[in-house]
Protein backbone atom coordinates (compact mmCIF):
# COMPACT_ATOMS: atom_id res chain seq x y z
CA MET A 1 -45.82 2.70 107.87
CA LYS A 2 -44.03 5.53 108.93
CA VAL A 3 -41.92 6.48 112.14
CA THR A 4 -40.78 9.69 113.52
CA VAL A 5 -36.75 9.64 114.05
CA ARG A 6 -34.49 12.16 115.26
CA ILE A 7 -32.34 13.16 112.16
CA TRP A 8 -30.86 16.89 112.77
CA ASP A 9 -29.09 17.26 115.97
CA PHE A 10 -29.19 20.43 117.87
CA PRO A 11 -25.56 21.65 116.83
CA ILE A 12 -26.43 21.15 113.19
CA ARG A 13 -29.78 23.17 113.59
CA LEU A 14 -28.17 25.95 115.40
CA PHE A 15 -25.36 26.16 112.89
CA HIS A 16 -27.98 26.36 110.03
CA TRP A 17 -30.24 29.19 111.58
CA LEU A 18 -26.97 31.28 112.71
CA LEU A 19 -25.69 30.84 109.16
CA VAL A 20 -29.10 32.00 107.84
CA LEU A 21 -28.95 35.07 110.07
CA ALA A 22 -25.28 35.70 109.57
CA VAL A 23 -25.74 35.70 105.74
CA VAL A 24 -28.55 38.02 105.71
CA ALA A 25 -26.67 40.44 108.09
CA ALA A 26 -23.50 40.17 105.72
CA TYR A 27 -25.84 41.14 102.61
CA VAL A 28 -27.45 43.67 104.59
CA THR A 29 -23.99 45.45 105.83
CA ALA A 30 -22.32 44.93 102.50
CA THR A 31 -25.29 46.60 100.57
CA LEU A 32 -25.37 49.58 102.54
CA GLY A 33 -21.88 50.11 103.41
CA GLY A 34 -20.53 53.09 104.96
CA ASN A 35 -19.65 52.78 108.67
CA LEU A 36 -21.53 49.23 108.10
CA MET A 37 -18.59 47.66 106.79
CA ASP A 38 -16.94 47.29 109.90
CA TRP A 39 -19.76 45.26 111.06
CA HIS A 40 -19.54 43.39 107.92
CA GLY A 41 -16.08 42.32 108.74
CA ARG A 42 -17.32 41.10 112.02
CA ILE A 43 -19.96 39.04 110.68
CA GLY A 44 -17.69 37.76 108.31
CA SER A 45 -15.56 36.33 111.20
CA PHE A 46 -18.28 35.13 112.92
CA ILE A 47 -19.25 33.10 109.62
CA LEU A 48 -15.46 31.78 109.65
CA GLY A 49 -16.36 30.31 113.04
CA LEU A 50 -19.52 28.86 111.63
CA LEU A 51 -17.37 27.07 108.91
CA ILE A 52 -14.84 25.82 110.94
CA PHE A 53 -17.48 24.49 113.52
CA ARG A 54 -19.10 22.75 110.52
CA LEU A 55 -15.93 21.25 109.23
CA ILE A 56 -15.40 19.61 112.72
CA TRP A 57 -18.78 18.52 113.18
CA GLY A 58 -18.85 16.87 109.77
CA PHE A 59 -16.30 14.34 111.38
CA ILE A 60 -17.81 14.00 114.84
CA GLY A 61 -20.98 15.21 114.71
CA SER A 62 -24.42 12.58 114.74
CA THR A 63 -25.07 10.16 112.12
CA TYR A 64 -26.33 12.55 109.60
CA ALA A 65 -24.18 15.64 110.43
CA ARG A 66 -21.34 13.58 109.21
CA PHE A 67 -19.88 14.25 105.71
CA GLY A 68 -19.66 10.48 105.23
CA SER A 69 -23.31 9.98 105.55
CA PHE A 70 -24.31 12.22 102.36
CA LEU A 71 -20.96 12.20 100.37
CA PRO A 72 -22.31 12.94 96.71
CA THR A 73 -20.62 9.98 95.19
CA LEU A 74 -21.17 9.09 91.26
CA PRO A 75 -22.96 5.72 92.22
CA ARG A 76 -25.20 7.93 94.85
CA LEU A 77 -25.87 10.38 92.27
CA ALA A 78 -26.71 8.01 89.23
CA ALA A 79 -29.13 6.08 91.78
CA TYR A 80 -30.71 9.31 93.03
CA LEU A 81 -31.34 10.29 88.90
CA ARG A 82 -32.60 6.93 88.35
CA GLY A 83 -35.15 6.94 91.30
CA ARG A 84 -33.34 4.35 93.15
CA TRP A 85 -31.78 6.03 95.95
CA TYR A 86 -33.23 5.69 99.53
CA GLY A 87 -32.21 7.66 102.50
CA ILE A 88 -33.61 10.01 105.08
CA GLY A 89 -30.69 12.65 105.15
CA HIS A 90 -29.33 15.04 102.40
CA ASN A 91 -30.01 13.49 99.06
CA PRO A 92 -26.88 13.42 96.65
CA LEU A 93 -28.23 16.49 94.92
CA GLY A 94 -28.76 18.31 97.93
CA ALA A 95 -25.47 17.16 99.30
CA LEU A 96 -23.82 18.75 96.09
CA ALA A 97 -25.66 21.94 97.26
CA VAL A 98 -24.16 21.76 100.65
CA PHE A 99 -20.75 21.19 99.66
CA ALA A 100 -20.94 24.16 97.17
CA LEU A 101 -22.42 26.44 99.92
CA LEU A 102 -19.53 25.40 102.17
CA ALA A 103 -16.84 25.99 99.47
CA ASP A 104 -18.07 29.19 98.42
CA LEU A 105 -18.65 30.30 101.83
CA SER A 106 -15.08 29.30 102.56
CA LEU A 107 -13.89 31.45 99.61
CA LEU A 108 -15.88 34.18 100.46
CA VAL A 109 -14.30 34.49 104.12
CA GLY A 110 -10.83 33.79 102.74
CA THR A 111 -10.93 36.59 100.23
CA GLY A 112 -12.68 38.86 102.73
CA LEU A 113 -9.55 38.30 105.17
CA CYS A 114 -7.47 40.04 102.55
CA ALA A 115 -9.76 42.83 101.93
CA SER A 116 -10.29 46.49 102.76
CA ASP A 117 -12.62 49.19 102.24
CA ASP A 118 -9.92 51.87 102.71
CA ILE A 119 -12.33 53.40 105.24
CA ALA A 120 -13.48 51.43 108.45
CA PHE A 121 -12.66 47.75 107.66
CA GLU A 122 -9.25 46.13 106.83
CA GLY A 123 -8.74 42.26 107.14
CA PRO A 124 -6.34 40.61 109.17
CA PHE A 125 -4.28 39.18 106.13
CA TYR A 126 -4.43 42.70 104.10
CA GLN A 127 -1.09 43.67 104.81
CA LEU A 128 0.39 40.27 103.97
CA VAL A 129 -0.85 40.74 100.59
CA ASP A 130 1.98 42.94 99.21
CA ASP A 131 0.86 43.29 95.87
CA GLU A 132 -1.74 46.20 95.16
CA SER A 133 -2.89 44.26 91.84
CA SER A 134 -3.28 40.89 94.13
CA ARG A 135 -5.51 42.84 96.52
CA ASP A 136 -7.59 44.18 93.83
CA LYS A 137 -8.20 40.51 92.36
CA LEU A 138 -8.75 39.08 95.82
CA SER A 139 -11.31 41.88 96.30
CA GLY A 140 -13.15 41.09 92.88
CA LEU A 141 -13.23 37.40 93.78
CA HIS A 142 -14.84 38.29 96.93
CA VAL A 143 -17.57 40.19 95.16
CA GLN A 144 -18.00 37.30 92.71
CA ALA A 145 -18.03 34.97 95.59
CA PHE A 146 -20.77 36.85 97.25
CA ASN A 147 -22.83 36.82 94.14
CA PHE A 148 -22.78 33.19 93.57
CA LEU A 149 -23.46 32.64 97.12
CA LEU A 150 -26.86 34.95 96.25
CA VAL A 151 -27.40 31.97 93.40
CA LEU A 152 -27.05 29.29 95.88
CA VAL A 153 -29.56 30.68 98.33
CA ALA A 154 -31.91 31.04 95.51
CA LEU A 155 -31.69 27.52 94.63
CA HIS A 156 -31.86 26.58 98.12
CA ILE A 157 -34.99 28.60 98.58
CA ALA A 158 -36.64 27.05 95.23
CA SER A 159 -35.70 23.58 96.15
CA ILE A 160 -37.83 24.14 99.58
CA VAL A 161 -40.67 25.45 98.11
CA PHE A 162 -40.63 22.59 95.36
CA TYR A 163 -40.59 19.98 97.79
CA ARG A 164 -43.36 21.49 99.65
CA VAL A 165 -45.53 22.11 96.59
CA VAL A 166 -44.61 19.01 94.44
CA LYS A 167 -43.46 16.43 96.72
CA LYS A 168 -45.49 17.45 99.80
CA THR A 169 -42.62 17.34 101.91
CA ASN A 170 -41.65 19.84 104.41
CA LEU A 171 -38.06 20.48 104.82
CA VAL A 172 -38.09 23.44 107.31
CA VAL A 173 -39.85 21.97 110.16
CA PRO A 174 -37.35 19.06 110.44
CA MET A 175 -34.75 21.62 110.59
CA LEU A 176 -36.72 23.52 113.25
CA THR A 177 -37.61 20.45 115.57
CA GLY A 178 -34.43 17.98 114.49
CA LYS A 179 -37.34 15.24 113.74
CA LYS A 180 -38.75 13.60 110.56
CA GLU A 181 -41.21 11.13 109.74
CA VAL A 182 -39.57 8.37 107.27
CA PRO A 183 -40.59 4.75 106.21
CA LYS A 184 -39.94 2.38 109.15
CA ALA A 185 -37.51 0.37 106.94
CA LEU A 186 -35.34 3.35 106.53
CA ALA A 187 -35.35 4.52 110.26
CA THR A 188 -31.96 3.91 111.64
CA THR A 189 -30.47 4.77 115.45
CA VAL A 190 -28.66 8.03 115.47
CA ILE A 191 -25.05 7.82 117.19
CA GLY A 192 -22.30 10.40 117.91
CA GLY A 193 -22.50 14.15 118.91
CA GLY A 194 -22.93 15.00 122.33
CA VAL A 195 -22.42 18.07 124.63
CA PHE A 196 -18.95 17.63 125.14
CA ARG A 197 -17.98 17.23 121.56
CA PHE A 198 -20.19 20.35 121.01
CA LEU A 199 -18.64 22.30 123.43
CA THR A 200 -15.13 21.25 122.35
CA THR A 201 -15.93 22.32 118.92
CA VAL A 202 -17.18 25.66 119.76
CA ILE A 203 -14.07 26.45 121.85
CA ILE A 204 -11.68 25.19 118.90
CA SER A 205 -13.66 27.36 116.39
CA GLY A 206 -13.67 30.49 118.61
CA ALA A 207 -9.65 29.84 119.18
CA VAL A 208 -9.15 29.77 115.46
CA VAL A 209 -11.04 32.97 115.01
CA TRP A 210 -9.17 34.87 117.71
CA GLY A 211 -6.11 33.25 116.46
CA VAL A 212 -6.48 34.93 112.81
CA TRP A 213 -7.50 38.53 114.19
CA GLU A 214 -5.10 38.28 117.24
CA GLY A 215 -2.04 35.96 116.34
CA VAL A 216 -1.48 37.50 112.77
CA GLU A 217 -0.37 40.34 114.18
CA ILE A 218 2.83 38.58 115.31
CA ILE A 219 3.63 37.89 111.53
CA LYS A 220 2.47 41.02 110.00
CA PRO A 221 5.45 43.08 108.30
CA VAL A 222 6.87 45.61 110.17
CA GLU A 223 7.03 49.11 108.55
CA SER A 224 10.30 50.87 108.90
CA ALA A 225 10.09 54.18 110.48
CA PRO A 226 11.12 56.86 107.81
CA VAL A 227 14.65 57.81 107.84
CA THR A 228 15.22 61.68 108.46
CA ALA A 229 18.54 63.40 108.02
CA THR A 230 20.28 64.41 111.04
CA PRO A 231 21.43 68.25 110.66
CA PRO A 232 25.17 68.74 110.78
CA SER A 233 26.60 70.29 114.18
CA PHE A 234 28.98 73.03 114.09
């Protein structure tokens, strides 16, 4: 017998779909380049805020949003590969994909903060990296991280199609409605989250992004004004 349970809370669903839109927008602006690179930087800042939000929500969110509920430990992975894992949140392989995605996005955003296209965009940490070769390496790493992100996205889409066609399980609907049909034996009460925690997390995330762009001005190296020779007086 199956019952319908609330599995994904509103903040997680909002995070998921905003991240989808942001990644698509980042890809489009990076591909087209030119004046859109300024928007690429803004979108990157938005993704930074989303990542900070997800990090915090992974500890104070509702049951299945918390990292502890789907941490891909070796015993869980072994049980899943043997067909002995039972759960209604992220399965262990799916959890690996989630952590890989979050790690790659963090690397992508981190290197982007040090990047510059020499035209319209300059990351807030660009001037703090004083070695040109280091800047080039970080820019190259940024591109590699973006390419790896495309691979992860392709695997994610392939997994959704596989579950829909082979396992007859729709993974998209629960991420839209927050609800999922599960065996009654696995149904549990979802706890945690709430409006206050959600708003607090949003404020903290926004404050950190603001601090990255505005607060960094305080620690940027000050360029010395060129010294001009004073003509002798007669």
